[in-house]
């Protein structure tokens, strides 16, 4: 099963250094172990562009679609047996301590 990990900031998280894995160690372990398919960092939310098409009219807005103090800082796509395994993998990510990680199962287009 493939899962998308949304790596998010969290304004309420502690500002201390995380214990455990560094991001480089986490990426190496999950890539070498065959669970991480791909992932990357994302530019800050203020670098976003939002596109909407309503009634045939295109709207392009600079910035994120919602005002929030949290934003998606990156993503990883992993493949593992089930949600419990995905949770275990996500819990080792440094941003689980410094931010938050949202896990969503992929929904393939058939």
N, C-alpha and C. Protein backbone atom coordinates (compact mmCIF):
# COMPACT_ATOMS: atom_id res chain seq x y z
N UNK A 1 0.85 -1.17 0.00
CA UNK A 1 0.00 0.00 0.00
C UNK A 1 0.89 1.24 0.00
N UNK A 2 0.56 2.21 -0.85
CA UNK A 2 1.31 3.46 -0.86
C UNK A 2 0.60 4.49 0.00
N UNK A 3 1.42 5.29 0.69
CA UNK A 3 0.92 6.37 1.54
C UNK A 3 1.67 7.65 1.22
N UNK A 4 0.96 8.77 1.26
CA UNK A 4 1.57 10.09 1.14
C UNK A 4 1.73 10.64 2.55
N UNK A 5 2.95 11.05 2.87
CA UNK A 5 3.22 11.72 4.13
C UNK A 5 3.32 13.21 3.85
N UNK A 6 2.41 13.99 4.38
CA UNK A 6 2.51 15.44 4.30
C UNK A 6 3.31 15.90 5.51
N UNK A 7 4.46 16.47 5.25
CA UNK A 7 5.35 16.94 6.32
C UNK A 7 4.98 18.39 6.59
N UNK A 8 4.41 18.65 7.75
CA UNK A 8 3.84 19.97 8.04
C UNK A 8 4.53 20.66 9.21
N UNK A 9 4.52 21.98 9.15
CA UNK A 9 5.01 22.75 10.29
C UNK A 9 3.93 22.74 11.37
N UNK A 10 4.31 23.14 12.56
CA UNK A 10 3.37 23.21 13.68
C UNK A 10 3.84 24.33 14.59
N UNK A 11 3.07 25.41 14.65
CA UNK A 11 3.48 26.57 15.44
C UNK A 11 3.51 26.29 16.94
N UNK A 12 2.91 25.19 17.39
CA UNK A 12 2.89 24.86 18.82
C UNK A 12 4.00 23.88 19.21
N UNK A 13 4.78 23.43 18.23
CA UNK A 13 5.82 22.43 18.51
C UNK A 13 7.00 23.07 19.24
N UNK A 14 7.73 22.30 20.03
CA UNK A 14 8.91 22.83 20.70
C UNK A 14 9.99 23.22 19.69
N UNK A 15 10.83 24.14 20.08
CA UNK A 15 11.89 24.61 19.17
C UNK A 15 13.23 23.93 19.44
N UNK A 16 13.23 22.87 20.21
CA UNK A 16 14.46 22.15 20.51
C UNK A 16 14.84 21.24 19.35
N UNK A 17 16.08 20.80 19.34
CA UNK A 17 16.54 19.86 18.33
C UNK A 17 15.88 18.50 18.57
N UNK A 18 15.46 17.83 17.51
CA UNK A 18 14.83 16.51 17.69
C UNK A 18 15.86 15.47 18.10
N UNK A 19 15.40 14.53 18.89
CA UNK A 19 16.27 13.40 19.22
C UNK A 19 16.00 12.30 18.21
N UNK A 20 16.93 11.41 18.04
CA UNK A 20 16.73 10.32 17.08
C UNK A 20 17.35 10.65 15.73
N UNK A 21 16.64 10.32 14.69
CA UNK A 21 17.14 10.44 13.33
C UNK A 21 17.28 11.90 12.89
N UNK A 22 18.30 12.17 12.05
CA UNK A 22 18.34 13.41 11.28
C UNK A 22 17.54 13.13 10.01
N UNK A 23 17.21 14.18 9.28
CA UNK A 23 16.46 13.96 8.04
C UNK A 23 17.27 13.13 7.06
N UNK A 24 18.58 13.37 6.98
CA UNK A 24 19.41 12.58 6.08
C UNK A 24 19.43 11.11 6.46
N UNK A 25 19.47 10.81 7.75
CA UNK A 25 19.45 9.42 8.22
C UNK A 25 18.10 8.77 7.92
N UNK A 26 17.01 9.52 8.15
CA UNK A 26 15.68 8.98 7.89
C UNK A 26 15.51 8.68 6.40
N UNK A 27 15.92 9.62 5.55
CA UNK A 27 15.81 9.41 4.10
C UNK A 27 16.65 8.21 3.68
N UNK A 28 17.88 8.12 4.18
CA UNK A 28 18.75 7.00 3.81
C UNK A 28 18.14 5.66 4.25
N UNK A 29 17.65 5.58 5.50
CA UNK A 29 17.10 4.32 5.99
C UNK A 29 15.85 3.91 5.21
N UNK A 30 14.95 4.85 4.95
CA UNK A 30 13.71 4.48 4.28
C UNK A 30 13.92 4.24 2.78
N UNK A 31 14.90 4.92 2.19
CA UNK A 31 15.21 4.68 0.78
C UNK A 31 15.92 3.35 0.61
N UNK A 32 16.98 3.14 1.41
CA UNK A 32 17.74 1.89 1.34
C UNK A 32 16.87 0.69 1.71
N UNK A 33 15.94 0.88 2.64
CA UNK A 33 15.05 -0.20 3.06
C UNK A 33 13.93 -0.48 2.07
N UNK A 34 13.80 0.36 1.07
CA UNK A 34 12.81 0.13 0.02
C UNK A 34 11.41 0.64 0.30
N UNK A 35 11.21 1.40 1.39
CA UNK A 35 9.87 1.90 1.66
C UNK A 35 9.61 3.28 1.09
N UNK A 36 10.63 4.11 0.98
CA UNK A 36 10.45 5.47 0.47
C UNK A 36 10.58 5.46 -1.04
N UNK A 37 9.53 5.94 -1.72
CA UNK A 37 9.53 5.98 -3.18
C UNK A 37 10.12 7.29 -3.68
N UNK A 38 9.68 8.40 -3.12
CA UNK A 38 10.24 9.71 -3.45
C UNK A 38 9.69 10.74 -2.47
N UNK A 39 10.29 11.90 -2.48
CA UNK A 39 9.85 12.98 -1.61
C UNK A 39 10.77 14.17 -1.79
N UNK A 40 10.36 15.30 -1.23
CA UNK A 40 11.18 16.50 -1.32
C UNK A 40 10.61 17.57 -0.41
N UNK A 41 11.40 18.63 -0.27
CA UNK A 41 10.94 19.81 0.46
C UNK A 41 10.08 20.65 -0.48
N UNK A 42 9.26 21.51 0.09
CA UNK A 42 8.47 22.47 -0.68
C UNK A 42 8.85 23.88 -0.24
N UNK A 43 8.78 24.82 -1.16
CA UNK A 43 9.02 26.21 -0.82
C UNK A 43 7.95 26.66 0.17
N UNK A 44 8.19 27.73 0.93
CA UNK A 44 7.19 28.22 1.90
C UNK A 44 5.85 28.57 1.24
N UNK A 45 4.81 28.58 2.04
CA UNK A 45 3.45 28.81 1.55
C UNK A 45 3.31 30.15 0.84
N UNK A 46 4.08 31.16 1.24
CA UNK A 46 3.95 32.45 0.56
C UNK A 46 4.52 32.42 -0.85
N UNK A 47 5.18 31.34 -1.26
CA UNK A 47 5.64 31.16 -2.64
C UNK A 47 4.61 30.40 -3.48
N UNK A 48 3.47 30.06 -2.89
CA UNK A 48 2.44 29.28 -3.59
C UNK A 48 1.65 30.16 -4.57
N UNK A 49 1.04 29.51 -5.53
CA UNK A 49 0.07 30.13 -6.43
C UNK A 49 -1.17 29.25 -6.41
N UNK A 50 -2.32 29.86 -6.21
CA UNK A 50 -3.57 29.13 -6.14
C UNK A 50 -4.37 29.37 -7.42
N UNK A 51 -4.84 28.30 -8.05
CA UNK A 51 -5.59 28.36 -9.30
C UNK A 51 -6.99 27.81 -9.08
N UNK A 52 -8.00 28.55 -9.55
CA UNK A 52 -9.39 28.10 -9.49
C UNK A 52 -10.05 28.42 -10.83
N UNK A 53 -10.96 27.55 -11.24
CA UNK A 53 -11.76 27.78 -12.43
C UNK A 53 -13.22 27.65 -12.01
N UNK A 54 -13.95 28.75 -12.08
CA UNK A 54 -15.35 28.78 -11.66
C UNK A 54 -16.19 29.42 -12.77
N UNK A 55 -17.17 28.68 -13.25
CA UNK A 55 -18.04 29.22 -14.29
C UNK A 55 -17.28 29.66 -15.53
N UNK A 56 -16.22 28.92 -15.85
CA UNK A 56 -15.42 29.26 -17.02
C UNK A 56 -14.44 30.40 -16.81
N UNK A 57 -14.38 30.94 -15.59
CA UNK A 57 -13.50 32.08 -15.29
C UNK A 57 -12.31 31.60 -14.46
N UNK A 58 -11.11 31.89 -14.94
CA UNK A 58 -9.88 31.49 -14.27
C UNK A 58 -9.49 32.53 -13.23
N UNK A 59 -9.17 32.05 -12.03
CA UNK A 59 -8.68 32.91 -10.96
C UNK A 59 -7.31 32.39 -10.53
N UNK A 60 -6.31 33.25 -10.59
CA UNK A 60 -4.95 32.91 -10.16
C UNK A 60 -4.58 33.88 -9.05
N UNK A 61 -4.24 33.33 -7.88
CA UNK A 61 -3.93 34.15 -6.71
C UNK A 61 -2.55 33.80 -6.20
N UNK A 62 -1.77 34.82 -5.90
CA UNK A 62 -0.46 34.60 -5.27
C UNK A 62 -0.69 34.20 -3.83
N UNK A 63 0.01 33.18 -3.39
CA UNK A 63 -0.09 32.74 -2.00
C UNK A 63 -0.95 31.51 -1.84
N UNK A 64 -1.02 31.01 -0.61
CA UNK A 64 -1.76 29.78 -0.33
C UNK A 64 -3.26 30.02 -0.40
N UNK A 65 -4.03 28.92 -0.49
CA UNK A 65 -5.48 29.03 -0.58
C UNK A 65 -6.11 29.33 0.77
N UNK A 66 -5.40 29.13 1.87
CA UNK A 66 -5.95 29.36 3.20
C UNK A 66 -4.93 30.09 4.07
N UNK A 67 -5.42 30.94 4.93
CA UNK A 67 -4.56 31.62 5.89
C UNK A 67 -4.40 30.71 7.11
N UNK A 68 -3.18 30.32 7.38
CA UNK A 68 -2.93 29.41 8.50
C UNK A 68 -1.49 29.59 8.97
N UNK A 69 -1.21 29.24 10.20
CA UNK A 69 0.17 29.33 10.70
C UNK A 69 0.94 28.06 10.38
N UNK A 70 0.24 26.97 10.06
CA UNK A 70 0.89 25.72 9.65
C UNK A 70 0.86 25.62 8.13
N UNK A 71 1.87 24.98 7.58
CA UNK A 71 1.90 24.79 6.13
C UNK A 71 2.65 23.51 5.81
N UNK A 72 2.41 23.00 4.60
CA UNK A 72 3.06 21.77 4.15
C UNK A 72 4.49 22.13 3.74
N UNK A 73 5.45 21.56 4.44
CA UNK A 73 6.87 21.87 4.20
C UNK A 73 7.51 20.87 3.25
N UNK A 74 6.87 19.72 3.04
CA UNK A 74 7.42 18.71 2.15
C UNK A 74 6.51 17.51 2.11
N UNK A 75 6.96 16.49 1.42
CA UNK A 75 6.16 15.28 1.29
C UNK A 75 7.09 14.09 1.08
N UNK A 76 6.58 12.93 1.38
CA UNK A 76 7.25 11.67 1.06
C UNK A 76 6.17 10.68 0.68
N UNK A 77 6.45 9.87 -0.32
CA UNK A 77 5.58 8.76 -0.69
C UNK A 77 6.30 7.49 -0.25
N UNK A 78 5.61 6.70 0.56
CA UNK A 78 6.19 5.46 1.06
C UNK A 78 5.30 4.29 0.64
N UNK A 79 5.88 3.11 0.64
CA UNK A 79 5.11 1.89 0.39
C UNK A 79 5.40 0.92 1.52
N UNK A 80 4.33 0.45 2.15
CA UNK A 80 4.48 -0.48 3.26
C UNK A 80 3.20 -1.29 3.39
N UNK A 81 3.19 -2.23 4.32
CA UNK A 81 2.11 -3.19 4.42
C UNK A 81 0.77 -2.64 4.85
N UNK A 82 0.78 -1.69 5.78
CA UNK A 82 -0.49 -1.20 6.31
C UNK A 82 -0.27 0.13 7.04
N UNK A 83 -1.36 0.69 7.55
CA UNK A 83 -1.30 1.97 8.24
C UNK A 83 -0.40 1.92 9.46
N UNK A 84 -0.40 0.82 10.20
CA UNK A 84 0.46 0.71 11.38
C UNK A 84 1.94 0.85 10.99
N UNK A 85 2.32 0.23 9.88
CA UNK A 85 3.71 0.35 9.41
C UNK A 85 4.00 1.78 8.97
N UNK A 86 3.04 2.43 8.32
CA UNK A 86 3.21 3.82 7.89
C UNK A 86 3.38 4.74 9.10
N UNK A 87 2.63 4.49 10.15
CA UNK A 87 2.74 5.28 11.38
C UNK A 87 4.13 5.10 11.99
N UNK A 88 4.61 3.88 12.03
CA UNK A 88 5.93 3.61 12.57
C UNK A 88 7.02 4.34 11.78
N UNK A 89 6.91 4.33 10.46
CA UNK A 89 7.88 5.02 9.61
C UNK A 89 7.79 6.53 9.83
N UNK A 90 6.58 7.08 9.86
CA UNK A 90 6.39 8.52 10.04
C UNK A 90 6.88 8.99 11.41
N UNK A 91 6.71 8.16 12.43
CA UNK A 91 7.11 8.53 13.79
C UNK A 91 8.62 8.71 13.92
N UNK A 92 9.39 8.09 13.04
CA UNK A 92 10.85 8.23 13.07
C UNK A 92 11.33 9.49 12.36
N UNK A 93 10.46 10.12 11.57
CA UNK A 93 10.83 11.33 10.83
C UNK A 93 11.05 12.47 11.83
N UNK A 94 12.14 13.25 11.68
CA UNK A 94 12.39 14.35 12.63
C UNK A 94 11.23 15.34 12.75
N UNK A 95 10.48 15.54 11.69
CA UNK A 95 9.37 16.49 11.76
C UNK A 95 8.19 15.98 12.59
N UNK A 96 8.20 14.70 12.96
CA UNK A 96 7.18 14.22 13.88
C UNK A 96 7.37 14.89 15.25
N UNK A 97 8.61 15.30 15.56
CA UNK A 97 8.90 16.00 16.81
C UNK A 97 8.81 17.52 16.66
N UNK A 98 9.20 18.03 15.49
CA UNK A 98 9.26 19.48 15.28
C UNK A 98 8.02 20.05 14.61
N UNK A 99 7.21 19.19 14.03
CA UNK A 99 6.01 19.62 13.32
C UNK A 99 4.94 18.56 13.48
N UNK A 100 4.38 18.16 12.36
CA UNK A 100 3.39 17.08 12.37
C UNK A 100 3.38 16.44 11.00
N UNK A 101 2.99 15.19 10.96
CA UNK A 101 2.96 14.45 9.71
C UNK A 101 1.56 13.88 9.52
N UNK A 102 0.97 14.24 8.40
CA UNK A 102 -0.34 13.70 8.03
C UNK A 102 -0.10 12.54 7.08
N UNK A 103 -0.71 11.41 7.36
CA UNK A 103 -0.57 10.21 6.53
C UNK A 103 -1.87 9.98 5.79
N UNK A 104 -1.77 9.86 4.47
CA UNK A 104 -2.97 9.54 3.69
C UNK A 104 -2.67 8.37 2.74
N UNK A 105 -3.57 7.39 2.69
CA UNK A 105 -3.39 6.31 1.72
C UNK A 105 -3.61 6.85 0.31
N UNK A 106 -2.83 6.36 -0.62
CA UNK A 106 -3.01 6.74 -2.02
C UNK A 106 -4.28 6.10 -2.53
N UNK A 107 -4.93 6.75 -3.47
CA UNK A 107 -6.18 6.28 -4.06
C UNK A 107 -5.96 6.23 -5.57
N UNK A 108 -5.37 5.14 -6.06
CA UNK A 108 -4.99 5.07 -7.48
C UNK A 108 -6.18 5.25 -8.43
N UNK A 109 -5.90 5.93 -9.53
CA UNK A 109 -6.89 6.04 -10.60
C UNK A 109 -6.76 4.78 -11.44
N UNK A 110 -7.82 4.07 -11.60
CA UNK A 110 -7.78 2.79 -12.32
C UNK A 110 -8.22 2.96 -13.74
